[in-house]
PDB file of N, CA and C in Angstrom:
ATOM      1  N   MET A   1      98.146 119.297  76.254  1.00  0.00           N
ATOM      2  CA  MET A   1      98.172 118.735  77.229  1.00  0.00           C
ATOM      3  C   MET A   1      98.344 119.735  78.619  1.00  0.00           C
ATOM      4  N   ASN A   2      97.735 119.326  79.502  1.00  0.00           N
ATOM      5  CA  ASN A   2      97.672 119.850  81.027  1.00  0.00           C
ATOM      6  C   ASN A   2      98.067 119.167  82.028  1.00  0.00           C
ATOM      7  N   VAL A   3      98.183 120.003  83.206  1.00  0.00           N
ATOM      8  CA  VAL A   3      98.771 119.483  84.313  1.00  0.00           C
ATOM      9  C   VAL A   3      97.941 117.900  84.891  1.00  0.00           C
ATOM     10  N   LEU A   4      96.555 118.081  84.492  1.00  0.00           N
ATOM     11  CA  LEU A   4      95.640 116.976  85.342  1.00  0.00           C
ATOM     12  C   LEU A   4      95.552 115.746  84.557  1.00  0.00           C
ATOM     13  N   SER A   5      95.668 116.010  83.187  1.00  0.00           N
ATOM     14  CA  SER A   5      96.050 114.791  82.204  1.00  0.00           C
ATOM     15  C   SER A   5      97.561 114.003  82.233  1.00  0.00           C
ATOM     16  N   GLU A   6      98.546 114.966  82.336  1.00  0.00           N
ATOM     17  CA  GLU A   6      99.838 114.447  82.352  1.00  0.00           C
ATOM     18  C   GLU A   6      99.968 113.566  83.413  1.00  0.00           C
ATOM     19  N   LEU A   7      99.632 114.262  84.948  1.00  0.00           N
ATOM     20  CA  LEU A   7      99.622 113.584  86.381  1.00  0.00           C
ATOM     21  C   LEU A   7      99.101 112.205  86.026  1.00  0.00           C
ATOM     22  N   LYS A   8      97.611 112.398  85.524  1.00  0.00           N
ATOM     23  CA  LYS A   8      97.052 110.765  85.516  1.00  0.00           C
ATOM     24  C   LYS A   8      97.685 109.859  85.178  1.00  0.00           C
ATOM     25  N   SER A   9      97.902 110.636  83.427  1.00  0.00           N
ATOM     26  CA  SER A   9      98.797 109.290  82.611  1.00  0.00           C
ATOM     27  C   SER A   9     100.029 109.114  83.469  1.00  0.00           C
ATOM     28  N   ILE A  10     101.221 109.859  84.167  1.00  0.00           N
ATOM     29  CA  ILE A  10     102.447 109.327  84.634  1.00  0.00           C
ATOM     30  C   ILE A  10     101.899 108.320  86.233  1.00  0.00           C
ATOM     31  N   ILE A  11     100.944 108.447  86.832  1.00  0.00           N
ATOM     32  CA  ILE A  11     100.545 107.852  88.183  1.00  0.00           C
ATOM     33  C   ILE A  11      99.918 106.589  87.530  1.00  0.00           C
ATOM     34  N   SER A  12      98.945 106.601  86.871  1.00  0.00           N
ATOM     35  CA  SER A  12      98.184 105.446  86.732  1.00  0.00           C
ATOM     36  C   SER A  12      99.378 104.515  85.603  1.00  0.00           C
ATOM     37  N   GLY A  13     100.259 104.964  84.940  1.00  0.00           N
ATOM     38  CA  GLY A  13     101.385 104.040  84.175  1.00  0.00           C
ATOM     39  C   GLY A  13     102.356 103.199  85.654  1.00  0.00           C
ATOM     40  N   LEU A  14     101.695 103.918  86.720  1.00  0.00           N
ATOM     41  CA  LEU A  14     103.307 103.264  87.738  1.00  0.00           C
ATOM     42  C   LEU A  14     101.765 102.103  88.551  1.00  0.00           C
ATOM     43  N   SER A  15     100.571 101.799  87.727  1.00  0.00           N
ATOM     44  CA  SER A  15      99.656 100.850  88.840  1.00  0.00           C
ATOM     45  C   SER A  15      99.350 101.320  89.899  1.00  0.00           C
ATOM     46  N   VAL A  16      99.127 102.972  89.906  1.00  0.00           N
ATOM     47  CA  VAL A  16      98.572 103.359  90.823  1.00  0.00           C
ATOM     48  C   VAL A  16      96.974 103.965  90.612  1.00  0.00           C
ATOM     49  N   PRO A  17      95.916 103.595  90.984  1.00  0.00           N
ATOM     50  CA  PRO A  17      94.564 104.166  90.765  1.00  0.00           C
ATOM     51  C   PRO A  17      94.517 105.838  90.921  1.00  0.00           C
ATOM     52  N   VAL A  18      94.148 106.286  90.238  1.00  0.00           N
ATOM     53  CA  VAL A  18      94.263 107.912  90.398  1.00  0.00           C
ATOM     54  C   VAL A  18      92.927 108.890  90.087  1.00  0.00           C
ATOM     55  N   GLU A  19      92.052 109.246  90.748  1.00  0.00           N
ATOM     56  CA  GLU A  19      90.982 110.476  90.155  1.00  0.00           C
ATOM     57  C   GLU A  19      91.427 111.932  90.596  1.00  0.00           C
ATOM     58  N   THR A  20      90.690 112.752  90.355  1.00  0.00           N
ATOM     59  CA  THR A  20      90.735 114.156  90.630  1.00  0.00           C
ATOM     60  C   THR A  20      89.695 114.585  91.624  1.00  0.00           C
ATOM     61  N   GLY A  21      89.799 115.116  92.732  1.00  0.00           N
ATOM     62  CA  GLY A  21      88.931 115.766  93.750  1.00  0.00           C
ATOM     63  C   GLY A  21      88.724 114.679  94.373  1.00  0.00           C
ATOM     64  N   VAL A  22      88.119 113.569  94.474  1.00  0.00           N
ATOM     65  CA  VAL A  22      87.911 112.961  95.365  1.00  0.00           C
ATOM     66  C   VAL A  22      87.858 111.020  94.625  1.00  0.00           C
ATOM     67  N   PHE A  23      88.054 110.647  95.472  1.00  0.00           N
ATOM     68  CA  PHE A  23      88.217 108.574  95.177  1.00  0.00           C
ATOM     69  C   PHE A  23      86.824 108.124  95.118  1.00  0.00           C
ATOM     70  N   SER A  24      86.555 107.973  94.009  1.00  0.00           N
ATOM     71  CA  SER A  24      84.890 107.551  93.840  1.00  0.00           C
ATOM     72  C   SER A  24      85.103 105.775  94.175  1.00  0.00           C
ATOM     73  N   GLY A  25      83.971 105.363  94.625  1.00  0.00           N
ATOM     74  CA  GLY A  25      84.160 103.745  95.037  1.00  0.00           C
ATOM     75  C   GLY A  25      84.733 103.522  95.996  1.00  0.00           C
ATOM     76  N   GLU A  26      84.913 102.084  96.162  1.00  0.00           N
ATOM     77  CA  GLU A  26      85.557 101.750  96.798  1.00  0.00           C
ATOM     78  C   GLU A  26      87.211 101.900  96.915  1.00  0.00           C
ATOM     79  N   ALA A  27      87.888 102.341  97.750  1.00  0.00           N
ATOM     80  CA  ALA A  27      89.116 102.489  97.528  1.00  0.00           C
ATOM     81  C   ALA A  27      90.097 101.388  97.757  1.00  0.00           C
ATOM     82  N   PRO A  28      91.158 101.285  96.798  1.00  0.00           N
ATOM     83  CA  PRO A  28      91.841 100.087  97.009  1.00  0.00           C
ATOM     84  C   PRO A  28      92.781 100.497  98.014  1.00  0.00           C
ATOM     85  N   ASP A  29      94.137  99.519  98.131  1.00  0.00           N
ATOM     86  CA  ASP A  29      95.483  99.477  98.846  1.00  0.00           C
ATOM     87  C   ASP A  29      96.079 100.873  98.905  1.00  0.00           C
ATOM     88  N   GLU A  30      96.114 101.199  97.879  1.00  0.00           N
ATOM     89  CA  GLU A  30      97.007 102.422  97.427  1.00  0.00           C
ATOM     90  C   GLU A  30      96.187 102.895  95.997  1.00  0.00           C
ATOM     91  N   TYR A  31      96.162 104.372  96.456  1.00  0.00           N
ATOM     92  CA  TYR A  31      95.537 105.443  95.093  1.00  0.00           C
ATOM     93  C   TYR A  31      96.039 106.406  95.325  1.00  0.00           C
ATOM     94  N   ALA A  32      95.717 107.783  94.242  1.00  0.00           N
ATOM     95  CA  ALA A  32      95.981 108.970  94.329  1.00  0.00           C
ATOM     96  C   ALA A  32      94.871 109.940  94.444  1.00  0.00           C
ATOM     97  N   VAL A  33      94.772 111.076  94.506  1.00  0.00           N
ATOM     98  CA  VAL A  33      93.614 111.909  94.369  1.00  0.00           C
ATOM     99  C   VAL A  33      94.463 112.944  94.001  1.00  0.00           C
ATOM    100  N   LEU A  34      94.117 114.085  92.952  1.00  0.00           N
ATOM    101  CA  LEU A  34      94.568 115.420  92.471  1.00  0.00           C
ATOM    102  C   LEU A  34      93.629 116.239  92.596  1.00  0.00           C
ATOM    103  N   VAL A  35      94.266 117.717  93.186  1.00  0.00           N
ATOM    104  CA  VAL A  35      93.672 118.648  93.495  1.00  0.00           C
ATOM    105  C   VAL A  35      94.199 119.746  92.737  1.00  0.00           C
ATOM    106  N   PRO A  36      93.423 120.356  91.705  1.00  0.00           N
ATOM    107  CA  PRO A  36      94.270 121.449  90.926  1.00  0.00           C
ATOM    108  C   PRO A  36      94.932 122.678  92.184  1.00  0.00           C
ATOM    109  N   LEU A  37      95.581 123.295  92.080  1.00  0.00           N
ATOM    110  CA  LEU A  37      96.061 124.517  92.914  1.00  0.00           C
ATOM    111  C   LEU A  37      96.196 125.644  92.791  1.00  0.00           C
ATOM    112  N   GLY A  38      96.725 125.778  91.432  1.00  0.00           N
ATOM    113  CA  GLY A  38      96.654 127.064  90.939  1.00  0.00           C
ATOM    114  C   GLY A  38      97.184 126.858  89.254  1.00  0.00           C
ATOM    115  N   ASP A  39      96.535 128.371  88.221  1.00  0.00           N
ATOM    116  CA  ASP A  39      96.916 128.298  87.043  1.00  0.00           C
ATOM    117  C   ASP A  39      97.197 129.755  86.877  1.00  0.00           C
ATOM    118  N   GLU A  40      98.261 129.834  86.710  1.00  0.00           N
ATOM    119  CA  GLU A  40      99.104 131.424  86.351  1.00  0.00           C
ATOM    120  C   GLU A  40     100.008 131.697  85.095  1.00  0.00           C
ATOM    121  N   PHE A  41     100.099 132.794  85.184  1.00  0.00           N
ATOM    122  CA  PHE A  41     101.008 133.484  84.143  1.00  0.00           C
ATOM    123  C   PHE A  41     102.102 133.701  84.691  1.00  0.00           C
ATOM    124  N   PRO A  42     103.370 133.173  84.618  1.00  0.00           N
ATOM    125  CA  PRO A  42     104.858 133.969  84.849  1.00  0.00           C
ATOM    126  C   PRO A  42     105.006 135.413  84.453  1.00  0.00           C
ATOM    127  N   LEU A  43     105.010 136.001  84.976  1.00  0.00           N
ATOM    128  CA  LEU A  43     105.763 137.402  84.359  1.00  0.00           C
ATOM    129  C   LEU A  43     106.489 137.394  82.936  1.00  0.00           C
ATOM    130  N   ASN A  44     106.128 138.695  82.404  1.00  0.00           N
ATOM    131  CA  ASN A  44     106.572 138.388  80.978  1.00  0.00           C
ATOM    132  C   ASN A  44     107.154 139.985  80.677  1.00  0.00           C
ATOM    133  N   GLY A  45     108.011 140.278  79.848  1.00  0.00           N
ATOM    134  CA  GLY A  45     108.720 141.466  79.670  1.00  0.00           C
ATOM    135  C   GLY A  45     107.708 141.971  78.888  1.00  0.00           C
ATOM    136  N   ASP A  46     106.853 141.916  77.757  1.00  0.00           N
ATOM    137  CA  ASP A  46     105.794 142.484  77.063  1.00  0.00           C
ATOM    138  C   ASP A  46     104.455 142.230  77.276  1.00  0.00           C
ATOM    139  N   ASP A  47     104.515 141.757  78.724  1.00  0.00           N
ATOM    140  CA  ASP A  47     103.164 141.482  79.303  1.00  0.00           C
ATOM    141  C   ASP A  47     102.135 140.678  78.504  1.00  0.00           C
ATOM    142  N   TYR A  48     102.760 139.759  77.680  1.00  0.00           N
ATOM    143  CA  TYR A  48     102.074 138.754  76.634  1.00  0.00           C
ATOM    144  C   TYR A  48     102.335 137.544  77.288  1.00  0.00           C
ATOM    145  N   PRO A  49     101.647 136.539  77.767  1.00  0.00           N
ATOM    146  CA  PRO A  49     102.215 135.347  78.436  1.00  0.00           C
ATOM    147  C   PRO A  49     102.087 134.262  77.067  1.00  0.00           C
ATOM    148  N   LEU A  50     103.464 133.802  77.244  1.00  0.00           N
ATOM    149  CA  LEU A  50     103.857 132.932  76.605  1.00  0.00           C
ATOM    150  C   LEU A  50     104.017 131.457  77.212  1.00  0.00           C
ATOM    151  N   THR A  51     103.644 131.394  78.314  1.00  0.00           N
ATOM    152  CA  THR A  51     103.322 129.819  78.993  1.00  0.00           C
ATOM    153  C   THR A  51     102.572 130.208  80.169  1.00  0.00           C
ATOM    154  N   ASP A  52     102.082 129.341  80.401  1.00  0.00           N
ATOM    155  CA  ASP A  52     100.860 128.824  81.788  1.00  0.00           C
ATOM    156  C   ASP A  52     101.580 128.150  82.796  1.00  0.00           C
ATOM    157  N   GLU A  53     101.863 128.165  83.740  1.00  0.00           N
ATOM    158  CA  GLU A  53     102.406 127.755  84.953  1.00  0.00           C
ATOM    159  C   GLU A  53     100.923 127.185  85.799  1.00  0.00           C
ATOM    160  N   GLN A  54     100.723 125.655  85.723  1.00  0.00           N
ATOM    161  CA  GLN A  54      99.794 124.921  86.571  1.00  0.00           C
ATOM    162  C   GLN A  54     100.443 124.022  87.687  1.00  0.00           C
ATOM    163  N   SER A  55      99.846 124.204  88.713  1.00  0.00           N
ATOM    164  CA  SER A  55     100.053 123.394  89.871  1.00  0.00           C
ATOM    165  C   SER A  55      98.980 122.386  90.128  1.00  0.00           C
ATOM    166  N   CYS A  56      99.550 121.362  91.288  1.00  0.00           N
ATOM    167  CA  CYS A  56      98.513 120.535  91.725  1.00  0.00           C
ATOM    168  C   CYS A  56      99.145 119.711  92.940  1.00  0.00           C
ATOM    169  N   ARG A  57      98.241 119.331  93.410  1.00  0.00           N
ATOM    170  CA  ARG A  57      98.475 119.013  95.016  1.00  0.00           C
ATOM    171  C   ARG A  57      98.513 117.168  94.807  1.00  0.00           C
ATOM    172  N   ILE A  58      99.251 116.373  94.660  1.00  0.00           N
ATOM    173  CA  ILE A  58      99.045 114.695  94.692  1.00  0.00           C
ATOM    174  C   ILE A  58      98.911 114.533  96.122  1.00  0.00           C
ATOM    175  N   SER A  59      97.492 113.682  96.756  1.00  0.00           N
ATOM    176  CA  SER A  59      97.611 113.394  97.782  1.00  0.00           C
ATOM    177  C   SER A  59      97.461 111.492  97.384  1.00  0.00           C
ATOM    178  N   LEU A  60      98.594 111.046  98.234  1.00  0.00           N
ATOM    179  CA  LEU A  60      98.843 109.833  97.933  1.00  0.00           C
ATOM    180  C   LEU A  60      98.331 108.768  98.991  1.00  0.00           C
ATOM    181  N   PHE A  61      97.301 108.000  99.317  1.00  0.00           N
ATOM    182  CA  PHE A  61      97.141 106.804 100.391  1.00  0.00           C
ATOM    183  C   PHE A  61      97.468 105.658 100.054  1.00  0.00           C
ATOM    184  N   THR A  62      98.205 105.054 101.073  1.00  0.00           N
ATOM    185  CA  THR A  62      98.817 103.739 100.894  1.00  0.00           C
ATOM    186  C   THR A  62      98.899 102.927 102.201  1.00  0.00           C
ATOM    187  N   LYS A  63      98.445 101.292 102.244  1.00  0.00           N
ATOM    188  CA  LYS A  63      98.385 100.426 103.415  1.00  0.00           C
ATOM    189  C   LYS A  63      99.500 100.002 103.529  1.00  0.00           C
ATOM    190  N   GLY A  64     100.340 100.461 102.293  1.00  0.00           N
ATOM    191  CA  GLY A  64     101.499  99.839 102.299  1.00  0.00           C
ATOM    192  C   GLY A  64     102.977 100.634 102.895  1.00  0.00           C
ATOM    193  N   ASN A  65     104.454 100.298 102.083  1.00  0.00           N
ATOM    194  CA  ASN A  65     105.291 101.141 102.041  1.00  0.00           C
ATOM    195  C   ASN A  65     105.107 102.245 101.308  1.00  0.00           C
ATOM    196  N   TYR A  66     104.953 103.651 102.113  1.00  0.00           N
ATOM    197  CA  TYR A  66     104.940 104.953 101.637  1.00  0.00           C
ATOM    198  C   TYR A  66     106.051 105.022 101.002  1.00  0.00           C
ATOM    199  N   LEU A  67     107.264 105.043 101.665  1.00  0.00           N
ATOM    200  CA  LEU A  67     108.697 105.408 101.190  1.00  0.00           C
ATOM    201  C   LEU A  67     108.858 105.078  99.573  1.00  0.00           C
ATOM    202  N   ARG A  68     108.558 103.908  99.586  1.00  0.00           N
ATOM    203  CA  ARG A  68     108.394 103.197  97.647  1.00  0.00           C
ATOM    204  C   ARG A  68     107.375 104.300  97.068  1.00  0.00           C
ATOM    205  N   LEU A  69     106.754 103.907  97.384  1.00  0.00           N
ATOM    206  CA  LEU A  69     105.469 104.799  96.620  1.00  0.00           C
ATOM    207  C   LEU A  69     106.170 106.435  96.423  1.00  0.00           C
ATOM    208  N   LYS A  70     106.326 107.237  97.467  1.00  0.00           N
ATOM    209  CA  LYS A  70     107.145 108.332  97.579  1.00  0.00           C
ATOM    210  C   LYS A  70     108.007 108.502  96.409  1.00  0.00           C
ATOM    211  N   LYS A  71     109.086 107.651  96.460  1.00  0.00           N
ATOM    212  CA  LYS A  71     110.465 107.755  95.916  1.00  0.00           C
ATOM    213  C   LYS A  71     110.108 107.613  94.126  1.00  0.00           C
ATOM    214  N   GLN A  72     109.436 106.353  93.953  1.00  0.00           N
ATOM    215  CA  GLN A  72     108.813 106.050  92.779  1.00  0.00           C
ATOM    216  C   GLN A  72     108.266 107.103  91.944  1.00  0.00           C
ATOM    217  N   ILE A  73     107.119 107.411  92.515  1.00  0.00           N
ATOM    218  CA  ILE A  73     106.180 108.710  92.198  1.00  0.00           C
ATOM    219  C   ILE A  73     107.086 109.977  91.724  1.00  0.00           C
ATOM    220  N   THR A  74     108.182 110.468  92.567  1.00  0.00           N
ATOM    221  CA  THR A  74     109.003 111.603  92.824  1.00  0.00           C
ATOM    222  C   THR A  74     109.641 111.494  91.623  1.00  0.00           C
ATOM    223  N   LEU A  75     110.459 110.232  91.574  1.00  0.00           N
ATOM    224  CA  LEU A  75     111.483 109.975  90.426  1.00  0.00           C
ATOM    225  C   LEU A  75     110.636 110.359  88.633  1.00  0.00           C
ATOM    226  N   SER A  76     109.321 110.022  88.831  1.00  0.00           N
ATOM    227  CA  SER A  76     108.821 109.629  87.452  1.00  0.00           C
ATOM    228  C   SER A  76     108.256 111.239  87.342  1.00  0.00           C
ATOM    229  N   LEU A  77     107.769 111.878  88.251  1.00  0.00           N
ATOM    230  CA  LEU A  77     107.943 113.074  88.167  1.00  0.00           C
ATOM    231  C   LEU A  77     108.730 114.030  87.419  1.00  0.00           C
ATOM    232  N   LEU A  78     110.076 114.220  88.207  1.00  0.00           N
ATOM    233  CA  LEU A  78     111.056 114.818  88.107  1.00  0.00           C
ATOM    234  C   LEU A  78     111.750 114.226  86.516  1.00  0.00           C
ATOM    235  N   SER A  79     111.649 112.855  86.079  1.00  0.00           N
ATOM    236  CA  SER A  79     111.635 112.803  84.980  1.00  0.00           C
ATOM    237  C   SER A  79     110.588 113.412  83.831  1.00  0.00           C
ATOM    238  N   ALA A  80     109.376 113.613  83.970  1.00  0.00           N
ATOM    239  CA  ALA A  80     108.390 114.258  82.992  1.00  0.00           C
ATOM    240  C   ALA A  80     108.786 115.634  83.290  1.00  0.00           C
ATOM    241  N   GLY A  81     109.637 116.544  84.065  1.00  0.00           N
ATOM    242  CA  GLY A  81     109.802 117.789  83.742  1.00  0.00           C
ATOM    243  C   GLY A  81     108.989 118.738  84.891  1.00  0.00           C
ATOM    244  N   PHE A  82     108.590 117.988  85.883  1.00  0.00           N
ATOM    245  CA  PHE A  82     107.571 118.606  86.939  1.00  0.00           C
ATOM    246  C   PHE A  82     108.649 119.310  88.124  1.00  0.00           C
ATOM    247  N   THR A  83     108.175 120.442  88.471  1.00  0.00           N
ATOM    248  CA  THR A  83     109.193 120.895  89.568  1.00  0.00           C
ATOM    249  C   THR A  83     108.218 120.688  90.679  1.00  0.00           C
ATOM    250  N   VAL A  84     109.163 119.440  91.799  1.00  0.00           N
ATOM    251  CA  VAL A  84     108.416 119.050  93.211  1.00  0.00           C
ATOM    252  C   VAL A  84     108.618 120.104  93.881  1.00  0.00           C
ATOM    253  N   GLU A  85     107.492 121.402  94.525  1.00  0.00           N
ATOM    254  CA  GLU A  85     107.518 122.097  95.148  1.00  0.00           C
ATOM    255  C   GLU A  85     107.201 121.669  96.472  1.00  0.00           C
ATOM    256  N   ALA A  86     107.170 120.852  97.296  1.00  0.00           N
ATOM    257  CA  ALA A  86     106.580 120.246  98.582  1.00  0.00           C
ATOM    258  C   ALA A  86     106.445 118.561  98.809  1.00  0.00           C
ATOM    259  N   ARG A  87     106.603 118.381  99.857  1.00  0.00           N
ATOM    260  CA  ARG A  87     106.536 116.888 100.057  1.00  0.00           C
ATOM    261  C   ARG A  87     106.105 116.636 101.461  1.00  0.00           C
ATOM    262  N   ARG A  88     105.132 115.868 101.755  1.00  0.00           N
ATOM    263  CA  ARG A  88     105.074 115.962 102.971  1.00  0.00           C
ATOM    264  C   ARG A  88     103.895 114.676 103.795  1.00  0.00           C
ATOM    265  N   TYR A  89     104.175 114.315 104.583  1.00  0.00           N
ATOM    266  CA  TYR A  89     103.906 113.104 105.274  1.00  0.00           C
ATOM    267  C   TYR A  89     102.926 113.681 106.030  1.00  0.00           C
ATOM    268  N   GLU A  90     101.162 113.518 106.030  1.00  0.00           N
ATOM    269  CA  GLU A  90     100.559 114.246 106.278  1.00  0.00           C
ATOM    270  C   GLU A  90      99.816 113.229 107.769  1.00  0.00           C
ATOM    271  N   GLY A  91     100.381 111.845 107.852  1.00  0.00           N
ATOM    272  CA  GLY A  91     100.310 111.349 108.904  1.00  0.00           C
ATOM    273  C   GLY A  91      99.278 109.791 108.480  1.00  0.00           C
ATOM    274  N   TYR A  92      99.074 109.035 109.631  1.00  0.00           N
ATOM    275  CA  TYR A  92      98.335 107.513 109.529  1.00  0.00           C
ATOM    276  C   TYR A  92      97.026 107.926 109.929  1.00  0.00           C
ATOM    277  N   ASP A  93      95.929 107.053 109.259  1.00  0.00           N
ATOM    278  CA  ASP A  93      94.751 107.202 109.456  1.00  0.00           C
ATOM    279  C   ASP A  93      94.192 105.565 110.330  1.00  0.00           C
ATOM    280  N   ALA A  94      94.596 105.384 111.747  1.00  0.00           N
ATOM    281  CA  ALA A  94      94.726 104.664 111.961  1.00  0.00           C
ATOM    282  C   ALA A  94      93.198 103.699 112.333  1.00  0.00           C
ATOM    283  N   GLY A  95      92.132 104.573 111.901  1.00  0.00           N
ATOM    284  CA  GLY A  95      90.719 104.121 111.682  1.00  0.00           C
ATOM    285  C   GLY A  95      90.636 103.185 109.833  1.00  0.00           C
ATOM    286  N   ALA A  96      91.057 103.821 108.994  1.00  0.00           N
ATOM    287  CA  ALA A  96      91.219 103.458 107.718  1.00  0.00           C
ATOM    288  C   ALA A  96      92.390 102.917 107.507  1.00  0.00           C
ATOM    289  N   GLY A  97      93.941 102.677 108.196  1.00  0.00           N
ATOM    290  CA  GLY A  97      94.936 102.165 107.964  1.00  0.00           C
ATOM    291  C   GLY A  97      95.671 102.382 106.492  1.00  0.00           C
ATOM    292  N   TYR A  98      95.304 103.779 106.388  1.00  0.00           N
ATOM    293  CA  TYR A  98      96.591 104.356 105.390  1.00  0.00           C
ATOM    294  C   TYR A  98      97.379 105.446 105.963  1.00  0.00           C
ATOM    295  N   HIS A  99      98.535 105.609 105.391  1.00  0.00           N
ATOM    296  CA  HIS A  99      99.483 106.745 105.258  1.00  0.00           C
ATOM    297  C   HIS A  99      99.013 107.508 104.371  1.00  0.00           C
ATOM    298  N   GLN A 100      99.179 109.037 104.841  1.00  0.00           N
ATOM    299  CA  GLN A 100      98.878 109.431 103.790  1.00  0.00           C
ATOM    300  C   GLN A 100     100.003 110.768 103.216  1.00  0.00           C
ATOM    301  N   LEU A 101     100.240 111.121 101.968  1.00  0.00           N
ATOM    302  CA  LEU A 101     101.657 111.970 101.854  1.00  0.00           C
ATOM    303  C   LEU A 101     100.698 113.090 100.583  1.00  0.00           C
ATOM    304  N   THR A 102     101.326 113.805 100.870  1.00  0.00           N
ATOM    305  CA  THR A 102     101.186 114.753  99.649  1.00  0.00           C
ATOM    306  C   THR A 102     102.453 115.254  99.047  1.00  0.00           C
ATOM    307  N   ILE A 103     101.925 115.505  97.711  1.00  0.00           N
ATOM    308  CA  ILE A 103     103.257 116.339  97.237  1.00  0.00           C
ATOM    309  C   ILE A 103     102.527 117.353  96.103  1.00  0.00           C
ATOM    310  N   ASP A 104     103.371 118.450  96.281  1.00  0.00           N
ATOM    311  CA  ASP A 104     102.768 119.678  95.224  1.00  0.00           C
ATOM    312  C   ASP A 104     103.406 119.960  94.112  1.00  0.00           C
ATOM    313  N   VAL A 105     103.089 120.020  93.324  1.00  0.00           N
ATOM    314  CA  VAL A 105     103.642 119.577  91.715  1.00  0.00           C
ATOM    315  C   VAL A 105     103.657 121.171  91.296  1.00  0.00           C
ATOM    316  N   ALA A 106     104.663 121.798  90.030  1.00  0.00           N
ATOM    317  CA  ALA A 106     104.187 122.718  88.865  1.00  0.00           C
ATOM    318  C   ALA A 106     104.698 122.379  87.631  1.00  0.00           C
ATOM    319  N   LYS A 107     104.254 122.838  86.787  1.00  0.00           N
ATOM    320  CA  LYS A 107     105.388 122.645  85.660  1.00  0.00           C
ATOM    321  C   LYS A 107     104.301 123.849  84.515  1.00  0.00           C
ATOM    322  N   LEU A 108     105.222 123.978  83.680  1.00  0.00           N
ATOM    323  CA  LEU A 108     105.115 125.008  82.715  1.00  0.00           C
ATOM    324  C   LEU A 108     104.936 124.802  81.345  1.00  0.00           C
ATOM    325  N   TYR A 109     103.688 125.216  80.822  1.00  0.00           N
ATOM    326  CA  TYR A 109     102.988 124.570  79.649  1.00  0.00           C
ATOM    327  C   TYR A 109     102.745 125.745  78.393  1.00  0.00           C
ATOM    328  N   ASP A 110     103.398 125.654  77.053  1.00  0.00           N
ATOM    329  CA  ASP A 110     104.011 126.739  76.110  1.00  0.00           C
ATOM    330  C   ASP A 110     102.084 127.247  76.097  1.00  0.00           C
ATOM    331  N   MET A 111     101.994 128.295  75.956  1.00  0.00           N
ATOM    332  CA  MET A 111     100.478 129.031  75.547  1.00  0.00           C
ATOM    333  C   MET A 111      99.778 128.825  73.902  1.00  0.00           C
ATOM    334  N   GLN A 112     101.117 128.539  73.258  1.00  0.00           N
ATOM    335  CA  GLN A 112     101.003 128.287  71.952  1.00  0.00           C
ATOM    336  C   GLN A 112     100.492 126.307  71.347  1.00  0.00           C
ATOM    337  N   GLU A 113     100.664 125.917  72.507  1.00  0.00           N
ATOM    338  CA  GLU A 113     100.220 124.084  72.241  1.00  0.00           C
ATOM    339  C   GLU A 113      98.937 124.094  72.471  1.00  0.00           C
ATOM    340  N   GLU A 114      98.185 123.486  71.536  1.00  0.00           N
ATOM    341  CA  GLU A 114      96.678 122.649  72.107  1.00  0.00           C
ATOM    342  C   GLU A 114      96.601 121.650  72.973  1.00  0.00           C
TER     343      GLU A 114
END
């Protein structure tokens, strides 16, 4: 598994449409866009990486209660073993009618898994 597939599964499981990079088609009242941020090897004593740290930004867009959505997704991420590195309210777009939030997450993946 990797960060994108795991995040898509978690977020779509909450009935929030999710895509990577940009949302294609007509946007619903609530959706998420995933943007990969990094893919790094943490330091290891023998210089051979055993884990892969993958990070991603989740951009949430909602015309409704952004506090409910933020809490629901954050709890699901923490339950799935993600580290929440930052959460930001990016603002309200009056023209489009969306509140935008970003949640930056990271997770370690075992290099031996396929």
